[in-house]
């Protein structure tokens, strides 16, 4: 019913729900990854790798979108 009612804002609702699922998974798995670390890597390095991976994904996603937007024009 909400999707039909807010048809013009469906892309925003979908984006928010996808972000909420990713954030929930990230905040659920990150403490477990830090707990499973047996002093092989420093915890700040694990957090740096997780943040860097998210940043690289965001950068690649933006470049991909920019590439396809430039092909349409």
PDB file of N, CA and C in Angstrom:
ATOM      1  N   UNK A   1       0.829  -1.191   0.000  1.00  0.00           N
ATOM      2  CA  UNK A   1       0.000   0.000   0.000  1.00  0.00           C
ATOM      3  C   UNK A   1       0.877   1.259   0.000  1.00  0.00           C
ATOM      4  N   UNK A   2       1.976   1.215   0.746  1.00  0.00           N
ATOM      5  CA  UNK A   2       2.857   2.384   0.774  1.00  0.00           C
ATOM      6  C   UNK A   2       3.508   2.617  -0.580  1.00  0.00           C
ATOM      7  N   UNK A   3       3.885   1.531  -1.263  1.00  0.00           N
ATOM      8  CA  UNK A   3       4.516   1.672  -2.571  1.00  0.00           C
ATOM      9  C   UNK A   3       3.557   2.305  -3.574  1.00  0.00           C
ATOM     10  N   UNK A   4       2.301   1.954  -3.501  1.00  0.00           N
ATOM     11  CA  UNK A   4       1.311   2.534  -4.411  1.00  0.00           C
ATOM     12  C   UNK A   4       1.049   3.993  -4.041  1.00  0.00           C
ATOM     13  N   UNK A   5       0.989   4.273  -2.746  1.00  0.00           N
ATOM     14  CA  UNK A   5       0.695   5.637  -2.295  1.00  0.00           C
ATOM     15  C   UNK A   5       1.850   6.590  -2.596  1.00  0.00           C
ATOM     16  N   UNK A   6       3.085   6.148  -2.393  1.00  0.00           N
ATOM     17  CA  UNK A   6       4.260   6.986  -2.618  1.00  0.00           C
ATOM     18  C   UNK A   6       5.005   6.565  -3.885  1.00  0.00           C
ATOM     19  N   UNK A   7       4.270   6.403  -4.972  1.00  0.00           N
ATOM     20  CA  UNK A   7       4.862   5.928  -6.222  1.00  0.00           C
ATOM     21  C   UNK A   7       5.941   6.871  -6.752  1.00  0.00           C
ATOM     22  N   UNK A   8       5.784   8.172  -6.561  1.00  0.00           N
ATOM     23  CA  UNK A   8       6.775   9.119  -7.070  1.00  0.00           C
ATOM     24  C   UNK A   8       8.043   9.152  -6.221  1.00  0.00           C
ATOM     25  N   UNK A   9       8.001   8.645  -5.013  1.00  0.00           N
ATOM     26  CA  UNK A   9       9.170   8.635  -4.127  1.00  0.00           C
ATOM     27  C   UNK A   9       9.679   7.213  -3.870  1.00  0.00           C
ATOM     28  N   UNK A  10       9.333   6.295  -4.749  1.00  0.00           N
ATOM     29  CA  UNK A  10       9.706   4.894  -4.548  1.00  0.00           C
ATOM     30  C   UNK A  10      11.214   4.695  -4.600  1.00  0.00           C
ATOM     31  N   UNK A  11      11.918   5.446  -5.449  1.00  0.00           N
ATOM     32  CA  UNK A  11      13.373   5.308  -5.523  1.00  0.00           C
ATOM     33  C   UNK A  11      14.050   5.723  -4.216  1.00  0.00           C
ATOM     34  N   UNK A  12      13.496   6.711  -3.522  1.00  0.00           N
ATOM     35  CA  UNK A  12      14.056   7.123  -2.235  1.00  0.00           C
ATOM     36  C   UNK A  12      13.801   6.083  -1.153  1.00  0.00           C
ATOM     37  N   UNK A  13      12.618   5.512  -1.159  1.00  0.00           N
ATOM     38  CA  UNK A  13      12.280   4.485  -0.178  1.00  0.00           C
ATOM     39  C   UNK A  13      13.125   3.243  -0.390  1.00  0.00           C
ATOM     40  N   UNK A  14      13.320   2.852  -1.647  1.00  0.00           N
ATOM     41  CA  UNK A  14      14.139   1.686  -1.954  1.00  0.00           C
ATOM     42  C   UNK A  14      15.594   1.918  -1.556  1.00  0.00           C
ATOM     43  N   UNK A  15      16.123   3.089  -1.835  1.00  0.00           N
ATOM     44  CA  UNK A  15      17.491   3.418  -1.452  1.00  0.00           C
ATOM     45  C   UNK A  15      17.678   3.417   0.057  1.00  0.00           C
ATOM     46  N   UNK A  16      16.711   3.971   0.771  1.00  0.00           N
ATOM     47  CA  UNK A  16      16.796   3.978   2.231  1.00  0.00           C
ATOM     48  C   UNK A  16      16.755   2.571   2.798  1.00  0.00           C
ATOM     49  N   UNK A  17      15.876   1.734   2.276  1.00  0.00           N
ATOM     50  CA  UNK A  17      15.768   0.371   2.803  1.00  0.00           C
ATOM     51  C   UNK A  17      17.022  -0.437   2.493  1.00  0.00           C
ATOM     52  N   UNK A  18      17.618  -0.236   1.329  1.00  0.00           N
ATOM     53  CA  UNK A  18      18.861  -0.936   1.008  1.00  0.00           C
ATOM     54  C   UNK A  18      19.990  -0.474   1.920  1.00  0.00           C
ATOM     55  N   UNK A  19      20.071   0.807   2.181  1.00  0.00           N
ATOM     56  CA  UNK A  19      21.077   1.328   3.104  1.00  0.00           C
ATOM     57  C   UNK A  19      20.881   0.826   4.517  1.00  0.00           C
ATOM     58  N   UNK A  20      19.627   0.704   4.943  1.00  0.00           N
ATOM     59  CA  UNK A  20      19.350   0.195   6.286  1.00  0.00           C
ATOM     60  C   UNK A  20      19.755  -1.270   6.415  1.00  0.00           C
ATOM     61  N   UNK A  21      19.529  -2.059   5.375  1.00  0.00           N
ATOM     62  CA  UNK A  21      19.937  -3.469   5.408  1.00  0.00           C
ATOM     63  C   UNK A  21      21.454  -3.586   5.452  1.00  0.00           C
ATOM     64  N   UNK A  22      22.160  -2.795   4.644  1.00  0.00           N
ATOM     65  CA  UNK A  22      23.621  -2.830   4.645  1.00  0.00           C
ATOM     66  C   UNK A  22      24.191  -2.363   5.979  1.00  0.00           C
ATOM     67  N   UNK A  23      23.631  -1.319   6.550  1.00  0.00           N
ATOM     68  CA  UNK A  23      24.117  -0.824   7.840  1.00  0.00           C
ATOM     69  C   UNK A  23      23.891  -1.842   8.943  1.00  0.00           C
ATOM     70  N   UNK A  24      22.748  -2.503   8.922  1.00  0.00           N
ATOM     71  CA  UNK A  24      22.468  -3.526   9.927  1.00  0.00           C
ATOM     72  C   UNK A  24      23.440  -4.681   9.802  1.00  0.00           C
ATOM     73  N   UNK A  25      23.686  -5.122   8.597  1.00  0.00           N
ATOM     74  CA  UNK A  25      24.638  -6.219   8.394  1.00  0.00           C
ATOM     75  C   UNK A  25      26.046  -5.789   8.796  1.00  0.00           C
ATOM     76  N   UNK A  26      26.436  -4.572   8.439  1.00  0.00           N
ATOM     77  CA  UNK A  26      27.773  -4.071   8.762  1.00  0.00           C
ATOM     78  C   UNK A  26      27.977  -3.980  10.271  1.00  0.00           C
ATOM     79  N   UNK A  27      27.028  -3.405  10.981  1.00  0.00           N
ATOM     80  CA  UNK A  27      27.169  -3.235  12.426  1.00  0.00           C
ATOM     81  C   UNK A  27      26.959  -4.536  13.179  1.00  0.00           C
ATOM     82  N   UNK A  28      26.403  -5.546  12.547  1.00  0.00           N
ATOM     83  CA  UNK A  28      26.288  -6.858  13.164  1.00  0.00           C
ATOM     84  C   UNK A  28      27.567  -7.663  12.966  1.00  0.00           C
ATOM     85  N   UNK A  29      28.184  -7.567  11.794  1.00  0.00           N
ATOM     86  CA  UNK A  29      29.351  -8.389  11.481  1.00  0.00           C
ATOM     87  C   UNK A  29      30.674  -7.787  11.930  1.00  0.00           C
ATOM     88  N   UNK A  30      30.761  -6.474  11.999  1.00  0.00           N
ATOM     89  CA  UNK A  30      32.032  -5.847  12.363  1.00  0.00           C
ATOM     90  C   UNK A  30      32.481  -6.199  13.780  1.00  0.00           C
ATOM     91  N   UNK A  31      31.632  -6.161  14.795  1.00  0.00           N
ATOM     92  CA  UNK A  31      32.093  -6.582  16.127  1.00  0.00           C
ATOM     93  C   UNK A  31      32.531  -8.049  16.170  1.00  0.00           C
ATOM     94  N   UNK A  32      31.865  -8.902  15.406  1.00  0.00           N
ATOM     95  CA  UNK A  32      32.279 -10.308  15.357  1.00  0.00           C
ATOM     96  C   UNK A  32      33.648 -10.452  14.707  1.00  0.00           C
ATOM     97  N   UNK A  33      33.919  -9.661  13.662  1.00  0.00           N
ATOM     98  CA  UNK A  33      35.229  -9.713  13.020  1.00  0.00           C
ATOM     99  C   UNK A  33      36.318  -9.240  13.977  1.00  0.00           C
ATOM    100  N   UNK A  34      36.015  -8.219  14.764  1.00  0.00           N
ATOM    101  CA  UNK A  34      36.999  -7.744  15.728  1.00  0.00           C
ATOM    102  C   UNK A  34      37.219  -8.754  16.851  1.00  0.00           C
ATOM    103  N   UNK A  35      36.155  -9.456  17.234  1.00  0.00           N
ATOM    104  CA  UNK A  35      36.269 -10.454  18.297  1.00  0.00           C
ATOM    105  C   UNK A  35      37.035 -11.698  17.819  1.00  0.00           C
ATOM    106  N   UNK A  36      36.866 -12.076  16.560  1.00  0.00           N
ATOM    107  CA  UNK A  36      37.536 -13.258  16.029  1.00  0.00           C
ATOM    108  C   UNK A  36      39.022 -13.022  15.743  1.00  0.00           C
ATOM    109  N   UNK A  37      39.434 -11.780  15.744  1.00  0.00           N
ATOM    110  CA  UNK A  37      40.835 -11.458  15.488  1.00  0.00           C
ATOM    111  C   UNK A  37      41.691 -11.982  16.647  1.00  0.00           C
ATOM    112  N   UNK A  38      42.627 -12.859  16.350  1.00  0.00           N
ATOM    113  CA  UNK A  38      43.510 -13.415  17.379  1.00  0.00           C
ATOM    114  C   UNK A  38      44.850 -12.702  17.369  1.00  0.00           C
ATOM    115  N   UNK A  39      44.836 -11.405  17.434  1.00  0.00           N
ATOM    116  CA  UNK A  39      46.037 -10.562  17.470  1.00  0.00           C
ATOM    117  C   UNK A  39      46.871 -10.675  16.200  1.00  0.00           C
ATOM    118  N   UNK A  40      46.302 -11.150  15.105  1.00  0.00           N
ATOM    119  CA  UNK A  40      47.025 -11.153  13.838  1.00  0.00           C
ATOM    120  C   UNK A  40      47.118  -9.734  13.294  1.00  0.00           C
ATOM    121  N   UNK A  41      46.033  -9.019  13.372  1.00  0.00           N
ATOM    122  CA  UNK A  41      45.976  -7.654  12.868  1.00  0.00           C
ATOM    123  C   UNK A  41      45.478  -6.743  13.985  1.00  0.00           C
ATOM    124  N   UNK A  42      45.918  -5.511  13.952  1.00  0.00           N
ATOM    125  CA  UNK A  42      45.446  -4.546  14.937  1.00  0.00           C
ATOM    126  C   UNK A  42      43.999  -4.169  14.605  1.00  0.00           C
ATOM    127  N   UNK A  43      43.213  -3.883  15.629  1.00  0.00           N
ATOM    128  CA  UNK A  43      41.802  -3.596  15.404  1.00  0.00           C
ATOM    129  C   UNK A  43      41.588  -2.340  14.567  1.00  0.00           C
ATOM    130  N   UNK A  44      42.435  -1.350  14.723  1.00  0.00           N
ATOM    131  CA  UNK A  44      42.286  -0.139  13.905  1.00  0.00           C
ATOM    132  C   UNK A  44      42.545  -0.433  12.431  1.00  0.00           C
ATOM    133  N   UNK A  45      43.424  -1.399  12.145  1.00  0.00           N
ATOM    134  CA  UNK A  45      43.673  -1.774  10.758  1.00  0.00           C
ATOM    135  C   UNK A  45      42.445  -2.461  10.164  1.00  0.00           C
ATOM    136  N   UNK A  46      41.778  -3.304  10.937  1.00  0.00           N
ATOM    137  CA  UNK A  46      40.555  -3.961  10.458  1.00  0.00           C
ATOM    138  C   UNK A  46      39.479  -2.920  10.173  1.00  0.00           C
ATOM    139  N   UNK A  47      39.333  -1.942  11.051  1.00  0.00           N
ATOM    140  CA  UNK A  47      38.359  -0.874  10.820  1.00  0.00           C
ATOM    141  C   UNK A  47      38.728  -0.035   9.596  1.00  0.00           C
ATOM    142  N   UNK A  48      40.027   0.196   9.405  1.00  0.00           N
ATOM    143  CA  UNK A  48      40.490   0.936   8.236  1.00  0.00           C
ATOM    144  C   UNK A  48      40.168   0.180   6.950  1.00  0.00           C
ATOM    145  N   UNK A  49      40.388  -1.129   6.950  1.00  0.00           N
ATOM    146  CA  UNK A  49      40.095  -1.947   5.773  1.00  0.00           C
ATOM    147  C   UNK A  49      38.585  -1.945   5.484  1.00  0.00           C
ATOM    148  N   UNK A  50      37.767  -2.062   6.529  1.00  0.00           N
ATOM    149  CA  UNK A  50      36.317  -2.055   6.332  1.00  0.00           C
ATOM    150  C   UNK A  50      35.847  -0.705   5.783  1.00  0.00           C
ATOM    151  N   UNK A  51      36.342   0.394   6.349  1.00  0.00           N
ATOM    152  CA  UNK A  51      35.978   1.720   5.856  1.00  0.00           C
ATOM    153  C   UNK A  51      36.515   1.975   4.467  1.00  0.00           C
ATOM    154  N   UNK A  52      37.744   1.533   4.205  1.00  0.00           N
ATOM    155  CA  UNK A  52      38.325   1.696   2.871  1.00  0.00           C
ATOM    156  C   UNK A  52      37.576   0.899   1.819  1.00  0.00           C
ATOM    157  N   UNK A  53      37.151  -0.302   2.170  1.00  0.00           N
ATOM    158  CA  UNK A  53      36.367  -1.110   1.236  1.00  0.00           C
ATOM    159  C   UNK A  53      35.042  -0.459   0.896  1.00  0.00           C
ATOM    160  N   UNK A  54      34.401   0.127   1.903  1.00  0.00           N
ATOM    161  CA  UNK A  54      33.146   0.832   1.657  1.00  0.00           C
ATOM    162  C   UNK A  54      33.384   2.050   0.766  1.00  0.00           C
ATOM    163  N   UNK A  55      34.484   2.784   1.012  1.00  0.00           N
ATOM    164  CA  UNK A  55      34.798   3.959   0.207  1.00  0.00           C
ATOM    165  C   UNK A  55      35.108   3.574  -1.243  1.00  0.00           C
ATOM    166  N   UNK A  56      35.847   2.496  -1.447  1.00  0.00           N
ATOM    167  CA  UNK A  56      36.171   2.041  -2.806  1.00  0.00           C
ATOM    168  C   UNK A  56      34.893   1.620  -3.529  1.00  0.00           C
ATOM    169  N   UNK A  57      34.004   0.921  -2.820  1.00  0.00           N
ATOM    170  CA  UNK A  57      32.722   0.540  -3.429  1.00  0.00           C
ATOM    171  C   UNK A  57      31.935   1.781  -3.837  1.00  0.00           C
ATOM    172  N   UNK A  58      31.878   2.775  -2.961  1.00  0.00           N
ATOM    173  CA  UNK A  58      31.146   3.998  -3.265  1.00  0.00           C
ATOM    174  C   UNK A  58      31.751   4.706  -4.469  1.00  0.00           C
ATOM    175  N   UNK A  59      33.074   4.773  -4.515  1.00  0.00           N
ATOM    176  CA  UNK A  59      33.757   5.415  -5.634  1.00  0.00           C
ATOM    177  C   UNK A  59      33.489   4.686  -6.950  1.00  0.00           C
ATOM    178  N   UNK A  60      33.585   3.355  -6.940  1.00  0.00           N
ATOM    179  CA  UNK A  60      33.316   2.585  -8.161  1.00  0.00           C
ATOM    180  C   UNK A  60      31.863   2.721  -8.605  1.00  0.00           C
ATOM    181  N   UNK A  61      30.956   2.774  -7.652  1.00  0.00           N
ATOM    182  CA  UNK A  61      29.538   2.938  -7.977  1.00  0.00           C
ATOM    183  C   UNK A  61      29.299   4.291  -8.647  1.00  0.00           C
ATOM    184  N   UNK A  62      29.912   5.339  -8.117  1.00  0.00           N
ATOM    185  CA  UNK A  62      29.741   6.678  -8.708  1.00  0.00           C
ATOM    186  C   UNK A  62      30.362   6.742 -10.107  1.00  0.00           C
ATOM    187  N   UNK A  63      31.535   6.143 -10.278  1.00  0.00           N
ATOM    188  CA  UNK A  63      32.164   6.142 -11.596  1.00  0.00           C
ATOM    189  C   UNK A  63      31.338   5.356 -12.607  1.00  0.00           C
ATOM    190  N   UNK A  64      30.743   4.266 -12.165  1.00  0.00           N
ATOM    191  CA  UNK A  64      29.883   3.461 -13.040  1.00  0.00           C
ATOM    192  C   UNK A  64      28.660   4.258 -13.457  1.00  0.00           C
ATOM    193  N   UNK A  65      28.033   4.948 -12.513  1.00  0.00           N
ATOM    194  CA  UNK A  65      26.869   5.766 -12.834  1.00  0.00           C
ATOM    195  C   UNK A  65      27.252   6.905 -13.773  1.00  0.00           C
ATOM    196  N   UNK A  66      28.392   7.546 -13.516  1.00  0.00           N
ATOM    197  CA  UNK A  66      28.839   8.652 -14.366  1.00  0.00           C
ATOM    198  C   UNK A  66      29.103   8.163 -15.782  1.00  0.00           C
ATOM    199  N   UNK A  67      29.682   6.977 -15.910  1.00  0.00           N
ATOM    200  CA  UNK A  67      29.980   6.423 -17.227  1.00  0.00           C
ATOM    201  C   UNK A  67      28.698   6.203 -18.021  1.00  0.00           C
ATOM    202  N   UNK A  68      27.686   5.614 -17.403  1.00  0.00           N
ATOM    203  CA  UNK A  68      26.458   5.344 -18.128  1.00  0.00           C
ATOM    204  C   UNK A  68      25.639   6.594 -18.365  1.00  0.00           C
ATOM    205  N   UNK A  69      25.752   7.594 -17.487  1.00  0.00           N
ATOM    206  CA  UNK A  69      25.063   8.854 -17.745  1.00  0.00           C
ATOM    207  C   UNK A  69      25.716   9.584 -18.912  1.00  0.00           C
ATOM    208  N   UNK A  70      27.038   9.483 -19.036  1.00  0.00           N
ATOM    209  CA  UNK A  70      27.706  10.155 -20.150  1.00  0.00           C
ATOM    210  C   UNK A  70      27.419   9.450 -21.481  1.00  0.00           C
ATOM    211  N   UNK A  71      27.115   8.166 -21.449  1.00  0.00           N
ATOM    212  CA  UNK A  71      26.780   7.452 -22.685  1.00  0.00           C
ATOM    213  C   UNK A  71      25.396   7.829 -23.202  1.00  0.00           C
ATOM    214  N   UNK A  72      24.493   8.216 -22.309  1.00  0.00           N
ATOM    215  CA  UNK A  72      23.132   8.558 -22.717  1.00  0.00           C
ATOM    216  C   UNK A  72      23.069   9.904 -23.423  1.00  0.00           C
ATOM    217  N   UNK A  73      23.994  10.801 -23.133  1.00  0.00           N
ATOM    218  CA  UNK A  73      23.944  12.131 -23.744  1.00  0.00           C
ATOM    219  C   UNK A  73      24.803  12.213 -24.974  1.00  0.00           C
TER     220      UNK A  73
END
